[in-house]
PDB file of all heavy atoms in Angstrom:
ATOM      1  N   SER A   1       0.834  -1.207   0.000  1.00  0.00           N
ATOM      2  CA  SER A   1       0.000   0.000   0.000  1.00  0.00           C
ATOM      3  C   SER A   1       0.867   1.255   0.000  1.00  0.00           C
ATOM      4  O   SER A   1       0.577   2.230  -0.710  1.00  0.00           O
ATOM      5  CB  SER A   1      -0.932   0.011   1.213  1.00  0.00           C
ATOM      6  OG  SER A   1      -1.830  -1.075   1.175  1.00  0.00           O
ATOM      7  N   VAL A   2       1.932   1.238   0.803  1.00  0.00           N
ATOM      8  CA  VAL A   2       2.841   2.391   0.858  1.00  0.00           C
ATOM      9  C   VAL A   2       3.505   2.604  -0.501  1.00  0.00           C
ATOM     10  O   VAL A   2       3.574   3.737  -1.011  1.00  0.00           O
ATOM     11  CB  VAL A   2       3.908   2.189   1.956  1.00  0.00           C
ATOM     12  CG1 VAL A   2       4.973   3.284   1.873  1.00  0.00           C
ATOM     13  CG2 VAL A   2       3.259   2.173   3.331  1.00  0.00           C
ATOM     14  N   LEU A   3       3.998   1.522  -1.101  1.00  0.00           N
ATOM     15  CA  LEU A   3       4.662   1.628  -2.400  1.00  0.00           C
ATOM     16  C   LEU A   3       3.698   2.150  -3.461  1.00  0.00           C
ATOM     17  O   LEU A   3       4.020   3.089  -4.204  1.00  0.00           O
ATOM     18  CB  LEU A   3       5.204   0.259  -2.815  1.00  0.00           C
ATOM     19  CG  LEU A   3       5.797   0.187  -4.229  1.00  0.00           C
ATOM     20  CD1 LEU A   3       7.055   1.026  -4.328  1.00  0.00           C
ATOM     21  CD2 LEU A   3       6.080  -1.262  -4.624  1.00  0.00           C
ATOM     22  N   CYS A   4       2.516   1.556  -3.537  1.00  0.00           N
ATOM     23  CA  CYS A   4       1.542   1.966  -4.553  1.00  0.00           C
ATOM     24  C   CYS A   4       1.077   3.405  -4.331  1.00  0.00           C
ATOM     25  O   CYS A   4       0.852   4.143  -5.294  1.00  0.00           O
ATOM     26  CB  CYS A   4       0.347   1.013  -4.536  1.00  0.00           C
ATOM     27  SG  CYS A   4       0.735  -0.668  -5.094  1.00  0.00           S
ATOM     28  N   SER A   5       0.955   3.802  -3.073  1.00  0.00           N
ATOM     29  CA  SER A   5       0.544   5.174  -2.767  1.00  0.00           C
ATOM     30  C   SER A   5       1.573   6.173  -3.271  1.00  0.00           C
ATOM     31  O   SER A   5       1.224   7.203  -3.866  1.00  0.00           O
ATOM     32  CB  SER A   5       0.341   5.345  -1.259  1.00  0.00           C
ATOM     33  OG  SER A   5      -0.693   4.525  -0.782  1.00  0.00           O
ATOM     34  N   MET A   6       2.852   5.872  -3.047  1.00  0.00           N
ATOM     35  CA  MET A   6       3.907   6.779  -3.487  1.00  0.00           C
ATOM     36  C   MET A   6       3.925   6.885  -5.007  1.00  0.00           C
ATOM     37  O   MET A   6       4.025   7.993  -5.562  1.00  0.00           O
ATOM     38  CB  MET A   6       5.270   6.300  -2.995  1.00  0.00           C
ATOM     39  CG  MET A   6       6.398   7.270  -3.314  1.00  0.00           C
ATOM     40  SD  MET A   6       8.019   6.685  -2.818  1.00  0.00           S
ATOM     41  CE  MET A   6       8.260   5.355  -4.004  1.00  0.00           C
ATOM     42  N   LEU A   7       3.795   5.763  -5.705  1.00  0.00           N
ATOM     43  CA  LEU A   7       3.801   5.787  -7.161  1.00  0.00           C
ATOM     44  C   LEU A   7       2.569   6.502  -7.709  1.00  0.00           C
ATOM     45  O   LEU A   7       2.666   7.300  -8.658  1.00  0.00           O
ATOM     46  CB  LEU A   7       3.864   4.356  -7.707  1.00  0.00           C
ATOM     47  CG  LEU A   7       5.134   3.560  -7.379  1.00  0.00           C
ATOM     48  CD1 LEU A   7       5.040   2.151  -7.939  1.00  0.00           C
ATOM     49  CD2 LEU A   7       6.371   4.264  -7.921  1.00  0.00           C
ATOM     50  N   LEU A   8       1.410   6.245  -7.108  1.00  0.00           N
ATOM     51  CA  LEU A   8       0.176   6.887  -7.567  1.00  0.00           C
ATOM     52  C   LEU A   8       0.214   8.390  -7.332  1.00  0.00           C
ATOM     53  O   LEU A   8      -0.167   9.180  -8.206  1.00  0.00           O
ATOM     54  CB  LEU A   8      -1.030   6.267  -6.852  1.00  0.00           C
ATOM     55  CG  LEU A   8      -2.398   6.874  -7.198  1.00  0.00           C
ATOM     56  CD1 LEU A   8      -2.685   6.720  -8.692  1.00  0.00           C
ATOM     57  CD2 LEU A   8      -3.498   6.218  -6.371  1.00  0.00           C
ATOM     58  N   LEU A   9       0.671   8.814  -6.168  1.00  0.00           N
ATOM     59  CA  LEU A   9       0.755  10.242  -5.870  1.00  0.00           C
ATOM     60  C   LEU A   9       1.742  10.942  -6.799  1.00  0.00           C
ATOM     61  O   LEU A   9       1.520  12.089  -7.204  1.00  0.00           O
ATOM     62  CB  LEU A   9       1.156  10.448  -4.407  1.00  0.00           C
ATOM     63  CG  LEU A   9       0.084  10.099  -3.364  1.00  0.00           C
ATOM     64  CD1 LEU A   9       0.664  10.164  -1.959  1.00  0.00           C
ATOM     65  CD2 LEU A   9      -1.117  11.025  -3.498  1.00  0.00           C
ATOM     66  N   SER A  10       2.835  10.258  -7.141  1.00  0.00           N
ATOM     67  CA  SER A  10       3.798  10.837  -8.082  1.00  0.00           C
ATOM     68  C   SER A  10       3.140  11.056  -9.446  1.00  0.00           C
ATOM     69  O   SER A  10       3.347  12.102 -10.094  1.00  0.00           O
ATOM     70  CB  SER A  10       5.007   9.912  -8.232  1.00  0.00           C
ATOM     71  OG  SER A  10       5.688   9.763  -7.003  1.00  0.00           O
ATOM     72  N   LEU A  11       2.332  10.087  -9.875  1.00  0.00           N
ATOM     73  CA  LEU A  11       1.608  10.238 -11.135  1.00  0.00           C
ATOM     74  C   LEU A  11       0.625  11.401 -11.077  1.00  0.00           C
ATOM     75  O   LEU A  11       0.514  12.192 -12.016  1.00  0.00           O
ATOM     76  CB  LEU A  11       0.853   8.945 -11.461  1.00  0.00           C
ATOM     77  CG  LEU A  11       1.641   7.810 -12.113  1.00  0.00           C
ATOM     78  CD1 LEU A  11       0.778   6.560 -12.213  1.00  0.00           C
ATOM     79  CD2 LEU A  11       2.126   8.217 -13.503  1.00  0.00           C
ATOM     80  N   LEU A  12      -0.083  11.517  -9.962  1.00  0.00           N
ATOM     81  CA  LEU A  12      -1.083  12.568  -9.821  1.00  0.00           C
ATOM     82  C   LEU A  12      -0.445  13.954  -9.823  1.00  0.00           C
ATOM     83  O   LEU A  12      -1.024  14.917 -10.341  1.00  0.00           O
ATOM     84  CB  LEU A  12      -1.896  12.357  -8.541  1.00  0.00           C
ATOM     85  CG  LEU A  12      -2.814  11.125  -8.536  1.00  0.00           C
ATOM     86  CD1 LEU A  12      -3.505  10.978  -7.188  1.00  0.00           C
ATOM     87  CD2 LEU A  12      -3.843  11.213  -9.656  1.00  0.00           C
ATOM     88  N   VAL A  13       0.737  14.065  -9.223  1.00  0.00           N
ATOM     89  CA  VAL A  13       1.459  15.342  -9.254  1.00  0.00           C
ATOM     90  C   VAL A  13       1.771  15.726 -10.697  1.00  0.00           C
ATOM     91  O   VAL A  13       1.588  16.884 -11.106  1.00  0.00           O
ATOM     92  CB  VAL A  13       2.753  15.263  -8.419  1.00  0.00           C
ATOM     93  CG1 VAL A  13       3.620  16.501  -8.651  1.00  0.00           C
ATOM     94  CG2 VAL A  13       2.424  15.136  -6.946  1.00  0.00           C
ATOM     95  N   GLY A  14       2.235  14.756 -11.485  1.00  0.00           N
ATOM     96  CA  GLY A  14       2.517  15.022 -12.893  1.00  0.00           C
ATOM     97  C   GLY A  14       1.270  15.409 -13.665  1.00  0.00           C
ATOM     98  O   GLY A  14       1.295  16.322 -14.494  1.00  0.00           O
ATOM     99  N   VAL A  15       0.165  14.716 -13.386  1.00  0.00           N
ATOM    100  CA  VAL A  15      -1.103  15.033 -14.046  1.00  0.00           C
ATOM    101  C   VAL A  15      -1.547  16.446 -13.697  1.00  0.00           C
ATOM    102  O   VAL A  15      -1.985  17.221 -14.559  1.00  0.00           O
ATOM    103  CB  VAL A  15      -2.197  14.017 -13.638  1.00  0.00           C
ATOM    104  CG1 VAL A  15      -3.568  14.488 -14.110  1.00  0.00           C
ATOM    105  CG2 VAL A  15      -1.886  12.645 -14.209  1.00  0.00           C
ATOM    106  N   TYR A  16      -1.440  16.814 -12.425  1.00  0.00           N
ATOM    107  CA  TYR A  16      -1.891  18.133 -11.993  1.00  0.00           C
ATOM    108  C   TYR A  16      -1.116  19.247 -12.691  1.00  0.00           C
ATOM    109  O   TYR A  16      -1.710  20.190 -13.240  1.00  0.00           O
ATOM    110  CB  TYR A  16      -1.736  18.267 -10.478  1.00  0.00           C
ATOM    111  CG  TYR A  16      -2.059  19.655  -9.962  1.00  0.00           C
ATOM    112  CD1 TYR A  16      -3.376  20.069  -9.827  1.00  0.00           C
ATOM    113  CD2 TYR A  16      -1.043  20.558  -9.647  1.00  0.00           C
ATOM    114  CE1 TYR A  16      -3.681  21.357  -9.385  1.00  0.00           C
ATOM    115  CE2 TYR A  16      -1.334  21.836  -9.202  1.00  0.00           C
ATOM    116  CZ  TYR A  16      -2.656  22.228  -9.071  1.00  0.00           C
ATOM    117  OH  TYR A  16      -2.942  23.493  -8.640  1.00  0.00           O
ATOM    118  N   TYR A  17       0.209  19.157 -12.667  1.00  0.00           N
ATOM    119  CA  TYR A  17       1.009  20.229 -13.256  1.00  0.00           C
ATOM    120  C   TYR A  17       1.051  20.151 -14.775  1.00  0.00           C
ATOM    121  O   TYR A  17       1.367  21.138 -15.442  1.00  0.00           O
ATOM    122  CB  TYR A  17       2.423  20.210 -12.686  1.00  0.00           C
ATOM    123  CG  TYR A  17       2.481  20.770 -11.288  1.00  0.00           C
ATOM    124  CD1 TYR A  17       2.679  19.940 -10.185  1.00  0.00           C
ATOM    125  CD2 TYR A  17       2.311  22.124 -11.058  1.00  0.00           C
ATOM    126  CE1 TYR A  17       2.716  20.451  -8.893  1.00  0.00           C
ATOM    127  CE2 TYR A  17       2.346  22.644  -9.767  1.00  0.00           C
ATOM    128  CZ  TYR A  17       2.542  21.795  -8.698  1.00  0.00           C
ATOM    129  OH  TYR A  17       2.570  22.315  -7.426  1.00  0.00           O
ATOM    130  N   GLY A  18       0.733  18.978 -15.325  1.00  0.00           N
ATOM    131  CA  GLY A  18       0.718  18.845 -16.780  1.00  0.00           C
ATOM    132  C   GLY A  18      -0.566  19.331 -17.427  1.00  0.00           C
ATOM    133  O   GLY A  18      -0.536  19.911 -18.519  1.00  0.00           O
ATOM    134  N   TRP A  19      -1.699  19.114 -16.753  1.00  0.00           N
ATOM    135  CA  TRP A  19      -2.979  19.434 -17.377  1.00  0.00           C
ATOM    136  C   TRP A  19      -3.807  20.465 -16.603  1.00  0.00           C
ATOM    137  O   TRP A  19      -4.606  21.173 -17.185  1.00  0.00           O
ATOM    138  CB  TRP A  19      -3.805  18.165 -17.549  1.00  0.00           C
ATOM    139  CG  TRP A  19      -3.376  17.363 -18.732  1.00  0.00           C
ATOM    140  CD1 TRP A  19      -3.548  17.675 -20.038  1.00  0.00           C
ATOM    141  CD2 TRP A  19      -2.684  16.107 -18.723  1.00  0.00           C
ATOM    142  NE1 TRP A  19      -3.013  16.696 -20.857  1.00  0.00           N
ATOM    143  CE2 TRP A  19      -2.481  15.720 -20.071  1.00  0.00           C
ATOM    144  CE3 TRP A  19      -2.216  15.265 -17.709  1.00  0.00           C
ATOM    145  CZ2 TRP A  19      -1.847  14.551 -20.432  1.00  0.00           C
ATOM    146  CZ3 TRP A  19      -1.590  14.090 -18.063  1.00  0.00           C
ATOM    147  CH2 TRP A  19      -1.396  13.736 -19.401  1.00  0.00           C
ATOM    148  N   CYS A  20      -3.640  20.534 -15.293  1.00  0.00           N
ATOM    149  CA  CYS A  20      -4.485  21.424 -14.500  1.00  0.00           C
ATOM    150  C   CYS A  20      -3.872  22.811 -14.291  1.00  0.00           C
ATOM    151  O   CYS A  20      -4.577  23.746 -13.950  1.00  0.00           O
ATOM    152  CB  CYS A  20      -4.781  20.791 -13.129  1.00  0.00           C
ATOM    153  SG  CYS A  20      -5.645  19.209 -13.262  1.00  0.00           S
ATOM    154  N   GLU A  21      -2.575  22.925 -14.470  1.00  0.00           N
ATOM    155  CA  GLU A  21      -1.913  24.219 -14.290  1.00  0.00           C
ATOM    156  C   GLU A  21      -1.160  24.566 -15.563  1.00  0.00           C
ATOM    157  O   GLU A  21      -0.340  23.789 -16.047  1.00  0.00           O
ATOM    158  CB  GLU A  21      -0.956  24.169 -13.093  1.00  0.00           C
ATOM    159  CG  GLU A  21      -0.353  25.521 -12.764  1.00  0.00           C
ATOM    160  CD  GLU A  21       0.370  25.506 -11.420  1.00  0.00           C
ATOM    161  OE1 GLU A  21      -0.260  25.141 -10.413  1.00  0.00           O
ATOM    162  OE2 GLU A  21       1.550  25.856 -11.389  1.00  0.00           O
ATOM    163  N   LYS A  22      -1.448  25.741 -16.084  1.00  0.00           N
ATOM    164  CA  LYS A  22      -0.860  26.129 -17.357  1.00  0.00           C
ATOM    165  C   LYS A  22       0.642  26.364 -17.233  1.00  0.00           C
ATOM    166  O   LYS A  22       1.100  27.026 -16.311  1.00  0.00           O
ATOM    167  CB  LYS A  22      -1.532  27.405 -17.873  1.00  0.00           C
ATOM    168  CG  LYS A  22      -2.978  27.214 -18.301  1.00  0.00           C
ATOM    169  CD  LYS A  22      -3.547  28.495 -18.875  1.00  0.00           C
ATOM    170  CE  LYS A  22      -4.987  28.301 -19.326  1.00  0.00           C
ATOM    171  NZ  LYS A  22      -5.555  29.539 -19.905  1.00  0.00           N
ATOM    172  N   GLN A  23       1.380  25.804 -18.193  1.00  0.00           N
ATOM    173  CA  GLN A  23       2.822  26.033 -18.275  1.00  0.00           C
ATOM    174  C   GLN A  23       3.141  26.308 -19.739  1.00  0.00           C
ATOM    175  O   GLN A  23       3.654  25.454 -20.453  1.00  0.00           O
ATOM    176  CB  GLN A  23       3.601  24.823 -17.749  1.00  0.00           C
ATOM    177  CG  GLN A  23       3.300  24.490 -16.291  1.00  0.00           C
ATOM    178  CD  GLN A  23       4.260  23.469 -15.724  1.00  0.00           C
ATOM    179  OE1 GLN A  23       5.425  23.745 -15.471  1.00  0.00           O
ATOM    180  NE2 GLN A  23       3.762  22.257 -15.516  1.00  0.00           N
ATOM    181  N   ASP A  24       2.808  27.531 -20.159  1.00  0.00           N
ATOM    182  CA  ASP A  24       2.879  27.888 -21.577  1.00  0.00           C
ATOM    183  C   ASP A  24       4.239  28.417 -22.016  1.00  0.00           C
ATOM    184  O   ASP A  24       4.465  28.584 -23.205  1.00  0.00           O
ATOM    185  CB  ASP A  24       1.810  28.948 -21.906  1.00  0.00           C
ATOM    186  CG  ASP A  24       0.401  28.447 -21.616  1.00  0.00           C
ATOM    187  OD1 ASP A  24       0.184  27.234 -21.763  1.00  0.00           O
ATOM    188  OD2 ASP A  24      -0.459  29.265 -21.229  1.00  0.00           O
ATOM    189  N   THR A  25       5.112  28.697 -21.073  1.00  0.00           N
ATOM    190  CA  THR A  25       6.408  29.277 -21.426  1.00  0.00           C
ATOM    191  C   THR A  25       7.540  28.363 -20.978  1.00  0.00           C
ATOM    192  O   THR A  25       7.347  27.466 -20.144  1.00  0.00           O
ATOM    193  CB  THR A  25       6.589  30.658 -20.766  1.00  0.00           C
ATOM    194  OG1 THR A  25       6.637  30.489 -19.339  1.00  0.00           O
ATOM    195  CG2 THR A  25       5.426  31.578 -21.130  1.00  0.00           C
ATOM    196  N   VAL A  26       8.715  28.627 -21.522  1.00  0.00           N
ATOM    197  CA  VAL A  26       9.901  27.866 -21.132  1.00  0.00           C
ATOM    198  C   VAL A  26      10.206  28.074 -19.650  1.00  0.00           C
ATOM    199  O   VAL A  26      10.560  27.141 -18.934  1.00  0.00           O
ATOM    200  CB  VAL A  26      11.113  28.275 -22.001  1.00  0.00           C
ATOM    201  CG1 VAL A  26      12.388  27.596 -21.486  1.00  0.00           C
ATOM    202  CG2 VAL A  26      10.872  27.907 -23.453  1.00  0.00           C
ATOM    203  N   ALA A  27      10.055  29.303 -19.186  1.00  0.00           N
ATOM    204  CA  ALA A  27      10.335  29.613 -17.781  1.00  0.00           C
ATOM    205  C   ALA A  27       9.393  28.858 -16.853  1.00  0.00           C
ATOM    206  O   ALA A  27       9.792  28.393 -15.782  1.00  0.00           O
ATOM    207  CB  ALA A  27      10.215  31.114 -17.540  1.00  0.00           C
ATOM    208  N   GLU A  28       8.131  28.718 -17.243  1.00  0.00           N
ATOM    209  CA  GLU A  28       7.170  27.969 -16.432  1.00  0.00           C
ATOM    210  C   GLU A  28       7.532  26.495 -16.392  1.00  0.00           C
ATOM    211  O   GLU A  28       7.499  25.862 -15.337  1.00  0.00           O
ATOM    212  CB  GLU A  28       5.749  28.147 -16.989  1.00  0.00           C
ATOM    213  CG  GLU A  28       5.108  29.476 -16.670  1.00  0.00           C
ATOM    214  CD  GLU A  28       4.680  29.565 -15.223  1.00  0.00           C
ATOM    215  OE1 GLU A  28       4.530  28.516 -14.582  1.00  0.00           O
ATOM    216  OE2 GLU A  28       4.507  30.694 -14.725  1.00  0.00           O
ATOM    217  N   TYR A  29       7.872  25.940 -17.535  1.00  0.00           N
ATOM    218  CA  TYR A  29       8.126  24.495 -17.634  1.00  0.00           C
ATOM    219  C   TYR A  29       9.471  24.102 -17.035  1.00  0.00           C
ATOM    220  O   TYR A  29       9.564  23.153 -16.246  1.00  0.00           O
ATOM    221  CB  TYR A  29       8.069  24.057 -19.098  1.00  0.00           C
ATOM    222  CG  TYR A  29       8.278  22.580 -19.302  1.00  0.00           C
ATOM    223  CD1 TYR A  29       7.256  21.676 -19.042  1.00  0.00           C
ATOM    224  CD2 TYR A  29       9.498  22.073 -19.750  1.00  0.00           C
ATOM    225  CE1 TYR A  29       7.441  20.307 -19.226  1.00  0.00           C
ATOM    226  CE2 TYR A  29       9.691  20.723 -19.936  1.00  0.00           C
ATOM    227  CZ  TYR A  29       8.660  19.843 -19.671  1.00  0.00           C
ATOM    228  OH  TYR A  29       8.855  18.488 -19.832  1.00  0.00           O
ATOM    229  N   LEU A  30      10.532  24.819 -17.379  1.00  0.00           N
ATOM    230  CA  LEU A  30      11.881  24.435 -16.954  1.00  0.00           C
ATOM    231  C   LEU A  30      12.282  25.035 -15.611  1.00  0.00           C
ATOM    232  O   LEU A  30      13.120  24.461 -14.904  1.00  0.00           O
ATOM    233  CB  LEU A  30      12.905  24.848 -18.008  1.00  0.00           C
ATOM    234  CG  LEU A  30      12.888  24.089 -19.340  1.00  0.00           C
ATOM    235  CD1 LEU A  30      13.968  24.632 -20.258  1.00  0.00           C
ATOM    236  CD2 LEU A  30      13.070  22.589 -19.124  1.00  0.00           C
ATOM    237  N   LEU A  31      11.700  26.187 -15.252  1.00  0.00           N
ATOM    238  CA  LEU A  31      12.160  26.907 -14.061  1.00  0.00           C
ATOM    239  C   LEU A  31      11.042  27.162 -13.060  1.00  0.00           C
ATOM    240  O   LEU A  31      11.213  27.938 -12.117  1.00  0.00           O
ATOM    241  CB  LEU A  31      12.811  28.241 -14.465  1.00  0.00           C
ATOM    242  CG  LEU A  31      13.946  28.142 -15.498  1.00  0.00           C
ATOM    243  CD1 LEU A  31      14.416  29.527 -15.894  1.00  0.00           C
ATOM    244  CD2 LEU A  31      15.091  27.307 -14.961  1.00  0.00           C
ATOM    245  N   GLY A  32       9.895  26.529 -13.250  1.00  0.00           N
ATOM    246  CA  GLY A  32       8.801  26.679 -12.305  1.00  0.00           C
ATOM    247  C   GLY A  32       8.265  28.080 -12.207  1.00  0.00           C
ATOM    248  O   GLY A  32       7.735  28.479 -11.164  1.00  0.00           O
ATOM    249  N   GLY A  33       8.408  28.850 -13.284  1.00  0.00           N
ATOM    250  CA  GLY A  33       7.950  30.223 -13.260  1.00  0.00           C
ATOM    251  C   GLY A  33       8.813  31.157 -12.435  1.00  0.00           C
ATOM    252  O   GLY A  33       8.487  32.332 -12.252  1.00  0.00           O
ATOM    253  N   LYS A  34       9.921  30.644 -11.918  1.00  0.00           N
ATOM    254  CA  LYS A  34      10.855  31.417 -11.083  1.00  0.00           C
ATOM    255  C   LYS A  34      10.192  31.990  -9.833  1.00  0.00           C
ATOM    256  O   LYS A  34      10.612  33.025  -9.312  1.00  0.00           O
ATOM    257  CB  LYS A  34      11.503  32.545 -11.905  1.00  0.00           C
ATOM    258  CG  LYS A  34      12.257  32.068 -13.137  1.00  0.00           C
ATOM    259  CD  LYS A  34      12.910  33.206 -13.881  1.00  0.00           C
ATOM    260  CE  LYS A  34      13.636  32.714 -15.119  1.00  0.00           C
ATOM    261  NZ  LYS A  34      14.298  33.798 -15.871  1.00  0.00           N
ATOM    262  N   LYS A  35       9.146  31.309  -9.363  1.00  0.00           N
ATOM    263  CA  LYS A  35       8.429  31.786  -8.187  1.00  0.00           C
ATOM    264  C   LYS A  35       8.179  30.675  -7.180  1.00  0.00           C
ATOM    265  O   LYS A  35       7.229  30.718  -6.408  1.00  0.00           O
ATOM    266  CB  LYS A  35       7.085  32.411  -8.614  1.00  0.00           C
ATOM    267  CG  LYS A  35       7.209  33.649  -9.479  1.00  0.00           C
ATOM    268  CD  LYS A  35       5.854  34.194  -9.866  1.00  0.00           C
ATOM    269  CE  LYS A  35       5.981  35.441 -10.727  1.00  0.00           C
ATOM    270  NZ  LYS A  35       4.651  35.975 -11.136  1.00  0.00           N
ATOM    271  N   MET A  36       9.014  29.677  -7.166  1.00  0.00           N
ATOM    272  CA  MET A  36       8.801  28.546  -6.277  1.00  0.00           C
ATOM    273  C   MET A  36       9.285  28.876  -4.864  1.00  0.00           C
ATOM    274  O   MET A  36      10.169  29.719  -4.659  1.00  0.00           O
ATOM    275  CB  MET A  36       9.513  27.309  -6.813  1.00  0.00           C
ATOM    276  CG  MET A  36       9.035  26.874  -8.196  1.00  0.00           C
ATOM    277  SD  MET A  36       9.383  25.150  -8.542  1.00  0.00           S
ATOM    278  CE  MET A  36       8.292  24.316  -7.398  1.00  0.00           C
ATOM    279  N   SER A  37       8.709  28.185  -3.877  1.00  0.00           N
ATOM    280  CA  SER A  37       9.083  28.390  -2.479  1.00  0.00           C
ATOM    281  C   SER A  37      10.415  27.725  -2.189  1.00  0.00           C
ATOM    282  O   SER A  37      10.772  26.708  -2.805  1.00  0.00           O
ATOM    283  CB  SER A  37       8.005  27.835  -1.558  1.00  0.00           C
ATOM    284  OG  SER A  37       6.756  28.457  -1.821  1.00  0.00           O
ATOM    285  N   ALA A  38      11.132  28.278  -1.224  1.00  0.00           N
ATOM    286  CA  ALA A  38      12.476  27.784  -0.926  1.00  0.00           C
ATOM    287  C   ALA A  38      12.456  26.373  -0.341  1.00  0.00           C
ATOM    288  O   ALA A  38      13.324  25.552  -0.667  1.00  0.00           O
ATOM    289  CB  ALA A  38      13.175  28.736   0.041  1.00  0.00           C
ATOM    290  N   PHE A  39      11.478  26.076   0.540  1.00  0.00           N
ATOM    291  CA  PHE A  39      11.492  24.781   1.232  1.00  0.00           C
ATOM    292  C   PHE A  39      11.359  23.592   0.280  1.00  0.00           C
ATOM    293  O   PHE A  39      12.199  22.675   0.317  1.00  0.00           O
ATOM    294  CB  PHE A  39      10.405  24.733   2.300  1.00  0.00           C
ATOM    295  CG  PHE A  39      10.326  23.401   3.003  1.00  0.00           C
ATOM    296  CD1 PHE A  39      11.311  23.018   3.910  1.00  0.00           C
ATOM    297  CD2 PHE A  39       9.291  22.525   2.727  1.00  0.00           C
ATOM    298  CE1 PHE A  39      11.250  21.777   4.543  1.00  0.00           C
ATOM    299  CE2 PHE A  39       9.226  21.287   3.360  1.00  0.00           C
ATOM    300  CZ  PHE A  39      10.203  20.920   4.268  1.00  0.00           C
ATOM    301  N   PRO A  40      10.322  23.539  -0.593  1.00  0.00           N
ATOM    302  CA  PRO A  40      10.244  22.387  -1.503  1.00  0.00           C
ATOM    303  C   PRO A  40      11.436  22.295  -2.442  1.00  0.00           C
ATOM    304  O   PRO A  40      11.880  21.188  -2.769  1.00  0.00           O
ATOM    305  CB  PRO A  40       8.935  22.628  -2.276  1.00  0.00           C
ATOM    306  CG  PRO A  40       8.611  24.054  -2.089  1.00  0.00           C
ATOM    307  CD  PRO A  40       9.162  24.434  -0.756  1.00  0.00           C
ATOM    308  N   VAL A  41      11.976  23.446  -2.852  1.00  0.00           N
ATOM    309  CA  VAL A  41      13.154  23.428  -3.724  1.00  0.00           C
ATOM    310  C   VAL A  41      14.359  22.868  -2.977  1.00  0.00           C
ATOM    311  O   VAL A  41      15.146  22.086  -3.522  1.00  0.00           O
ATOM    312  CB  VAL A  41      13.453  24.841  -4.258  1.00  0.00           C
ATOM    313  CG1 VAL A  41      14.778  24.855  -5.020  1.00  0.00           C
ATOM    314  CG2 VAL A  41      12.339  25.313  -5.173  1.00  0.00           C
ATOM    315  N   ALA A  42      14.501  23.242  -1.695  1.00  0.00           N
ATOM    316  CA  ALA A  42      15.613  22.734  -0.886  1.00  0.00           C
ATOM    317  C   ALA A  42      15.512  21.224  -0.709  1.00  0.00           C
ATOM    318  O   ALA A  42      16.513  20.503  -0.834  1.00  0.00           O
ATOM    319  CB  ALA A  42      15.615  23.432   0.481  1.00  0.00           C
ATOM    320  N   MET A  43      14.309  20.738  -0.408  1.00  0.00           N
ATOM    321  CA  MET A  43      14.118  19.301  -0.238  1.00  0.00           C
ATOM    322  C   MET A  43      14.348  18.567  -1.549  1.00  0.00           C
ATOM    323  O   MET A  43      14.928  17.476  -1.576  1.00  0.00           O
ATOM    324  CB  MET A  43      12.712  19.023   0.291  1.00  0.00           C
ATOM    325  CG  MET A  43      12.438  19.591   1.681  1.00  0.00           C
ATOM    326  SD  MET A  43      13.572  18.938   2.930  1.00  0.00           S
ATOM    327  CE  MET A  43      13.030  17.227   3.016  1.00  0.00           C
TER     328      MET A  43
END
């Protein structure tokens, strides 16, 4: 259950940022829009 949960959540993250949040520019796609929070980037 733990393994499948991690794999499924990883897929859902990709789905969310791929289809639910617009990333129309190179900066959005490659650099996260240059507005990402320090903590997730550090981790």
